[in-house]
Amino acid sequence: MKSKAYAGTTGTIFLGASLLHLWRLLADFEIQVGGGELPSWGSMIIVAAAGYLSYTGFRIATRS
């Protein structure tokens, strides 16, 4: 796989993760991880981190 295709694919995957956690925050439903609940602030961190990684992936994929 070429590096631009790889960066675009990972950008898409991280965008999906970010949007799913943003939806979780807006819909206010619980996520169980290892028998405990993932707190809302955990999803906020994931939205920010995955959003940044998605942005970086798309930026690398569109470089000429």
PDB file of N, CA and C in Angstrom:
ATOM      1  N   MET A   1       0.849  -1.169   0.000  1.00  0.00           N
ATOM      2  CA  MET A   1       0.000   0.000   0.000  1.00  0.00           C
ATOM      3  C   MET A   1       0.901   1.239   0.000  1.00  0.00           C
ATOM      4  N   LYS A   2       0.551   2.199  -0.807  1.00  0.00           N
ATOM      5  CA  LYS A   2       1.303   3.449  -0.880  1.00  0.00           C
ATOM      6  C   LYS A   2       1.066   4.267   0.386  1.00  0.00           C
ATOM      7  N   SER A   3       2.024   5.128   0.713  1.00  0.00           N
ATOM      8  CA  SER A   3       1.928   5.887   1.965  1.00  0.00           C
ATOM      9  C   SER A   3       0.750   6.863   1.965  1.00  0.00           C
ATOM     10  N   LYS A   4       0.410   7.439   0.810  1.00  0.00           N
ATOM     11  CA  LYS A   4      -0.738   8.360   0.757  1.00  0.00           C
ATOM     12  C   LYS A   4      -2.050   7.612   0.964  1.00  0.00           C
ATOM     13  N   ALA A   5      -2.149   6.431   0.393  1.00  0.00           N
ATOM     14  CA  ALA A   5      -3.357   5.619   0.586  1.00  0.00           C
ATOM     15  C   ALA A   5      -3.466   5.178   2.035  1.00  0.00           C
ATOM     16  N   TYR A   6      -2.326   4.811   2.630  1.00  0.00           N
ATOM     17  CA  TYR A   6      -2.312   4.404   4.032  1.00  0.00           C
ATOM     18  C   TYR A   6      -2.741   5.571   4.932  1.00  0.00           C
ATOM     19  N   ALA A   7      -2.205   6.759   4.670  1.00  0.00           N
ATOM     20  CA  ALA A   7      -2.555   7.931   5.477  1.00  0.00           C
ATOM     21  C   ALA A   7      -4.039   8.269   5.331  1.00  0.00           C
ATOM     22  N   GLY A   8      -4.569   8.162   4.123  1.00  0.00           N
ATOM     23  CA  GLY A   8      -5.996   8.420   3.913  1.00  0.00           C
ATOM     24  C   GLY A   8      -6.880   7.404   4.613  1.00  0.00           C
ATOM     25  N   THR A   9      -6.461   6.143   4.590  1.00  0.00           N
ATOM     26  CA  THR A   9      -7.221   5.093   5.260  1.00  0.00           C
ATOM     27  C   THR A   9      -7.223   5.287   6.771  1.00  0.00           C
ATOM     28  N   THR A  10      -6.058   5.571   7.340  1.00  0.00           N
ATOM     29  CA  THR A  10      -6.007   5.785   8.787  1.00  0.00           C
ATOM     30  C   THR A  10      -6.739   7.064   9.183  1.00  0.00           C
ATOM     31  N   GLY A  11      -6.692   8.086   8.321  1.00  0.00           N
ATOM     32  CA  GLY A  11      -7.462   9.305   8.588  1.00  0.00           C
ATOM     33  C   GLY A  11      -8.949   9.019   8.651  1.00  0.00           C
ATOM     34  N   THR A  12      -9.419   8.159   7.764  1.00  0.00           N
ATOM     35  CA  THR A  12     -10.838   7.789   7.750  1.00  0.00           C
ATOM     36  C   THR A  12     -11.220   6.989   8.996  1.00  0.00           C
ATOM     37  N   ILE A  13     -10.353   6.064   9.392  1.00  0.00           N
ATOM     38  CA  ILE A  13     -10.637   5.249  10.578  1.00  0.00           C
ATOM     39  C   ILE A  13     -10.686   6.123  11.831  1.00  0.00           C
ATOM     40  N   PHE A  14      -9.718   7.035  11.979  1.00  0.00           N
ATOM     41  CA  PHE A  14      -9.723   7.914  13.146  1.00  0.00           C
ATOM     42  C   PHE A  14     -10.889   8.901  13.111  1.00  0.00           C
ATOM     43  N   LEU A  15     -11.307   9.322  11.924  1.00  0.00           N
ATOM     44  CA  LEU A  15     -12.486  10.178  11.825  1.00  0.00           C
ATOM     45  C   LEU A  15     -13.715   9.436  12.331  1.00  0.00           C
ATOM     46  N   GLY A  16     -13.844   8.153  11.955  1.00  0.00           N
ATOM     47  CA  GLY A  16     -14.965   7.343  12.428  1.00  0.00           C
ATOM     48  C   GLY A  16     -14.962   7.194  13.941  1.00  0.00           C
ATOM     49  N   ALA A  17     -13.792   6.933  14.512  1.00  0.00           N
ATOM     50  CA  ALA A  17     -13.694   6.795  15.973  1.00  0.00           C
ATOM     51  C   ALA A  17     -14.061   8.094  16.661  1.00  0.00           C
ATOM     52  N   SER A  18     -13.583   9.199  16.114  1.00  0.00           N
ATOM     53  CA  SER A  18     -13.889  10.504  16.705  1.00  0.00           C
ATOM     54  C   SER A  18     -15.390  10.800  16.648  1.00  0.00           C
ATOM     55  N   LEU A  19     -16.000  10.530  15.501  1.00  0.00           N
ATOM     56  CA  LEU A  19     -17.439  10.793  15.359  1.00  0.00           C
ATOM     57  C   LEU A  19     -18.278   9.885  16.252  1.00  0.00           C
ATOM     58  N   LEU A  20     -17.861   8.626  16.413  1.00  0.00           N
ATOM     59  CA  LEU A  20     -18.606   7.718  17.296  1.00  0.00           C
ATOM     60  C   LEU A  20     -18.544   8.185  18.753  1.00  0.00           C
ATOM     61  N   HIS A  21     -17.391   8.652  19.205  1.00  0.00           N
ATOM     62  CA  HIS A  21     -17.296   9.129  20.580  1.00  0.00           C
ATOM     63  C   HIS A  21     -18.016  10.471  20.755  1.00  0.00           C
ATOM     64  N   LEU A  22     -18.018  11.300  19.714  1.00  0.00           N
ATOM     65  CA  LEU A  22     -18.791  12.537  19.781  1.00  0.00           C
ATOM     66  C   LEU A  22     -20.278  12.223  19.871  1.00  0.00           C
ATOM     67  N   TRP A  23     -20.726  11.233  19.110  1.00  0.00           N
ATOM     68  CA  TRP A  23     -22.125  10.801  19.177  1.00  0.00           C
ATOM     69  C   TRP A  23     -22.442  10.272  20.565  1.00  0.00           C
ATOM     70  N   ARG A  24     -21.509   9.522  21.147  1.00  0.00           N
ATOM     71  CA  ARG A  24     -21.696   8.994  22.500  1.00  0.00           C
ATOM     72  C   ARG A  24     -21.876  10.129  23.502  1.00  0.00           C
ATOM     73  N   LEU A  25     -21.109  11.213  23.331  1.00  0.00           N
ATOM     74  CA  LEU A  25     -21.241  12.358  24.243  1.00  0.00           C
ATOM     75  C   LEU A  25     -22.586  13.059  24.069  1.00  0.00           C
ATOM     76  N   LEU A  26     -23.017  13.234  22.832  1.00  0.00           N
ATOM     77  CA  LEU A  26     -24.271  13.945  22.568  1.00  0.00           C
ATOM     78  C   LEU A  26     -25.492  13.115  22.949  1.00  0.00           C
ATOM     79  N   ALA A  27     -25.425  11.799  22.732  1.00  0.00           N
ATOM     80  CA  ALA A  27     -26.561  10.928  23.048  1.00  0.00           C
ATOM     81  C   ALA A  27     -26.564  10.500  24.509  1.00  0.00           C
ATOM     82  N   ASP A  28     -25.439  10.678  25.199  1.00  0.00           N
ATOM     83  CA  ASP A  28     -25.302  10.382  26.615  1.00  0.00           C
ATOM     84  C   ASP A  28     -25.634   8.924  26.946  1.00  0.00           C
ATOM     85  N   PHE A  29     -24.962   7.991  26.255  1.00  0.00           N
ATOM     86  CA  PHE A  29     -25.114   6.585  26.622  1.00  0.00           C
ATOM     87  C   PHE A  29     -23.797   6.051  27.170  1.00  0.00           C
ATOM     88  N   GLU A  30     -23.880   4.923  27.861  1.00  0.00           N
ATOM     89  CA  GLU A  30     -22.731   4.369  28.572  1.00  0.00           C
ATOM     90  C   GLU A  30     -21.923   3.422  27.690  1.00  0.00           C
ATOM     91  N   ILE A  31     -20.618   3.377  27.935  1.00  0.00           N
ATOM     92  CA  ILE A  31     -19.729   2.402  27.311  1.00  0.00           C
ATOM     93  C   ILE A  31     -19.059   1.640  28.441  1.00  0.00           C
ATOM     94  N   GLN A  32     -19.191   0.307  28.412  1.00  0.00           N
ATOM     95  CA  GLN A  32     -18.577  -0.544  29.430  1.00  0.00           C
ATOM     96  C   GLN A  32     -17.226  -1.036  28.924  1.00  0.00           C
ATOM     97  N   VAL A  33     -16.183  -0.824  29.725  1.00  0.00           N
ATOM     98  CA  VAL A  33     -14.837  -1.279  29.382  1.00  0.00           C
ATOM     99  C   VAL A  33     -14.290  -2.053  30.575  1.00  0.00           C
ATOM    100  N   GLY A  34     -14.061  -3.324  30.408  1.00  0.00           N
ATOM    101  CA  GLY A  34     -13.495  -4.135  31.472  1.00  0.00           C
ATOM    102  C   GLY A  34     -14.331  -4.155  32.740  1.00  0.00           C
ATOM    103  N   GLY A  35     -15.634  -4.128  32.632  1.00  0.00           N
ATOM    104  CA  GLY A  35     -16.518  -4.169  33.788  1.00  0.00           C
ATOM    105  C   GLY A  35     -16.813  -2.811  34.394  1.00  0.00           C
ATOM    106  N   GLY A  36     -16.187  -1.758  33.901  1.00  0.00           N
ATOM    107  CA  GLY A  36     -16.445  -0.405  34.403  1.00  0.00           C
ATOM    108  C   GLY A  36     -16.890   0.500  33.271  1.00  0.00           C
ATOM    109  N   GLU A  37     -17.461   1.634  33.635  1.00  0.00           N
ATOM    110  CA  GLU A  37     -17.965   2.571  32.639  1.00  0.00           C
ATOM    111  C   GLU A  37     -16.875   3.557  32.237  1.00  0.00           C
ATOM    112  N   LEU A  38     -16.784   3.834  30.938  1.00  0.00           N
ATOM    113  CA  LEU A  38     -15.878   4.863  30.445  1.00  0.00           C
ATOM    114  C   LEU A  38     -16.514   6.218  30.733  1.00  0.00           C
ATOM    115  N   PRO A  39     -15.838   7.080  31.518  1.00  0.00           N
ATOM    116  CA  PRO A  39     -16.432   8.373  31.842  1.00  0.00           C
ATOM    117  C   PRO A  39     -16.502   9.288  30.614  1.00  0.00           C
ATOM    118  N   SER A  40     -17.359  10.290  30.698  1.00  0.00           N
ATOM    119  CA  SER A  40     -17.537  11.222  29.585  1.00  0.00           C
ATOM    120  C   SER A  40     -16.253  11.962  29.250  1.00  0.00           C
ATOM    121  N   TRP A  41     -15.466  12.301  30.263  1.00  0.00           N
ATOM    122  CA  TRP A  41     -14.228  13.028  29.975  1.00  0.00           C
ATOM    123  C   TRP A  41     -13.260  12.148  29.185  1.00  0.00           C
ATOM    124  N   GLY A  42     -13.361  10.836  29.326  1.00  0.00           N
ATOM    125  CA  GLY A  42     -12.544   9.927  28.531  1.00  0.00           C
ATOM    126  C   GLY A  42     -12.904  10.022  27.051  1.00  0.00           C
ATOM    127  N   SER A  43     -14.198  10.125  26.764  1.00  0.00           N
ATOM    128  CA  SER A  43     -14.631  10.282  25.377  1.00  0.00           C
ATOM    129  C   SER A  43     -14.232  11.645  24.834  1.00  0.00           C
ATOM    130  N   MET A  44     -14.205  12.662  25.679  1.00  0.00           N
ATOM    131  CA  MET A  44     -13.760  13.983  25.224  1.00  0.00           C
ATOM    132  C   MET A  44     -12.298  13.942  24.789  1.00  0.00           C
ATOM    133  N   ILE A  45     -11.483  13.228  25.548  1.00  0.00           N
ATOM    134  CA  ILE A  45     -10.068  13.090  25.194  1.00  0.00           C
ATOM    135  C   ILE A  45      -9.929  12.302  23.898  1.00  0.00           C
ATOM    136  N   ILE A  46     -10.727  11.245  23.746  1.00  0.00           N
ATOM    137  CA  ILE A  46     -10.664  10.434  22.536  1.00  0.00           C
ATOM    138  C   ILE A  46     -11.110  11.238  21.319  1.00  0.00           C
ATOM    139  N   VAL A  47     -12.147  12.067  21.467  1.00  0.00           N
ATOM    140  CA  VAL A  47     -12.603  12.916  20.358  1.00  0.00           C
ATOM    141  C   VAL A  47     -11.481  13.843  19.914  1.00  0.00           C
ATOM    142  N   ALA A  48     -10.805  14.469  20.874  1.00  0.00           N
ATOM    143  CA  ALA A  48      -9.725  15.401  20.537  1.00  0.00           C
ATOM    144  C   ALA A  48      -8.543  14.667  19.904  1.00  0.00           C
ATOM    145  N   ALA A  49      -8.120  13.566  20.493  1.00  0.00           N
ATOM    146  CA  ALA A  49      -6.954  12.834  19.988  1.00  0.00           C
ATOM    147  C   ALA A  49      -7.235  12.205  18.619  1.00  0.00           C
ATOM    148  N   ALA A  50      -8.371  11.528  18.481  1.00  0.00           N
ATOM    149  CA  ALA A  50      -8.704  10.895  17.208  1.00  0.00           C
ATOM    150  C   ALA A  50      -8.970  11.945  16.129  1.00  0.00           C
ATOM    151  N   GLY A  51      -9.553  13.063  16.512  1.00  0.00           N
ATOM    152  CA  GLY A  51      -9.767  14.146  15.550  1.00  0.00           C
ATOM    153  C   GLY A  51      -8.452  14.705  15.032  1.00  0.00           C
ATOM    154  N   TYR A  52      -7.487  14.880  15.920  1.00  0.00           N
ATOM    155  CA  TYR A  52      -6.170  15.358  15.502  1.00  0.00           C
ATOM    156  C   TYR A  52      -5.476  14.341  14.598  1.00  0.00           C
ATOM    157  N   LEU A  53      -5.537  13.056  14.964  1.00  0.00           N
ATOM    158  CA  LEU A  53      -4.910  12.028  14.140  1.00  0.00           C
ATOM    159  C   LEU A  53      -5.579  11.919  12.769  1.00  0.00           C
ATOM    160  N   SER A  54      -6.888  12.111  12.726  1.00  0.00           N
ATOM    161  CA  SER A  54      -7.602  12.107  11.456  1.00  0.00           C
ATOM    162  C   SER A  54      -7.164  13.285  10.590  1.00  0.00           C
ATOM    163  N   TYR A  55      -7.087  14.454  11.188  1.00  0.00           N
ATOM    164  CA  TYR A  55      -6.632  15.650  10.470  1.00  0.00           C
ATOM    165  C   TYR A  55      -5.227  15.442   9.912  1.00  0.00           C
ATOM    166  N   THR A  56      -4.343  14.883  10.734  1.00  0.00           N
ATOM    167  CA  THR A  56      -2.965  14.651  10.312  1.00  0.00           C
ATOM    168  C   THR A  56      -2.908  13.631   9.170  1.00  0.00           C
ATOM    169  N   GLY A  57      -3.698  12.576   9.270  1.00  0.00           N
ATOM    170  CA  GLY A  57      -3.730  11.575   8.210  1.00  0.00           C
ATOM    171  C   GLY A  57      -4.193  12.154   6.885  1.00  0.00           C
ATOM    172  N   PHE A  58      -5.255  12.959   6.920  1.00  0.00           N
ATOM    173  CA  PHE A  58      -5.748  13.570   5.682  1.00  0.00           C
ATOM    174  C   PHE A  58      -4.775  14.607   5.137  1.00  0.00           C
ATOM    175  N   ARG A  59      -4.097  15.317   6.040  1.00  0.00           N
ATOM    176  CA  ARG A  59      -3.116  16.306   5.607  1.00  0.00           C
ATOM    177  C   ARG A  59      -1.950  15.627   4.892  1.00  0.00           C
ATOM    178  N   ILE A  60      -1.478  14.515   5.433  1.00  0.00           N
ATOM    179  CA  ILE A  60      -0.379  13.766   4.806  1.00  0.00           C
ATOM    180  C   ILE A  60      -0.852  13.176   3.464  1.00  0.00           C
ATOM    181  N   ALA A  61      -2.085  12.681   3.419  1.00  0.00           N
ATOM    182  CA  ALA A  61      -2.603  12.062   2.199  1.00  0.00           C
ATOM    183  C   ALA A  61      -2.764  13.067   1.067  1.00  0.00           C
ATOM    184  N   THR A  62      -2.973  14.322   1.368  1.00  0.00           N
ATOM    185  CA  THR A  62      -3.202  15.319   0.318  1.00  0.00           C
ATOM    186  C   THR A  62      -1.948  16.108  -0.040  1.00  0.00           C
ATOM    187  N   ARG A  63      -0.814  15.811   0.592  1.00  0.00           N
ATOM    188  CA  ARG A  63       0.436  16.484   0.206  1.00  0.00           C
ATOM    189  C   ARG A  63       0.832  16.095  -1.206  1.00  0.00           C
ATOM    190  N   SER A  64       1.420  17.064  -1.897  1.00  0.00           N
ATOM    191  CA  SER A  64       1.852  16.760  -3.273  1.00  0.00           C
ATOM    192  C   SER A  64       3.325  16.444  -3.357  1.00  0.00           C
TER     193      SER A  64
END
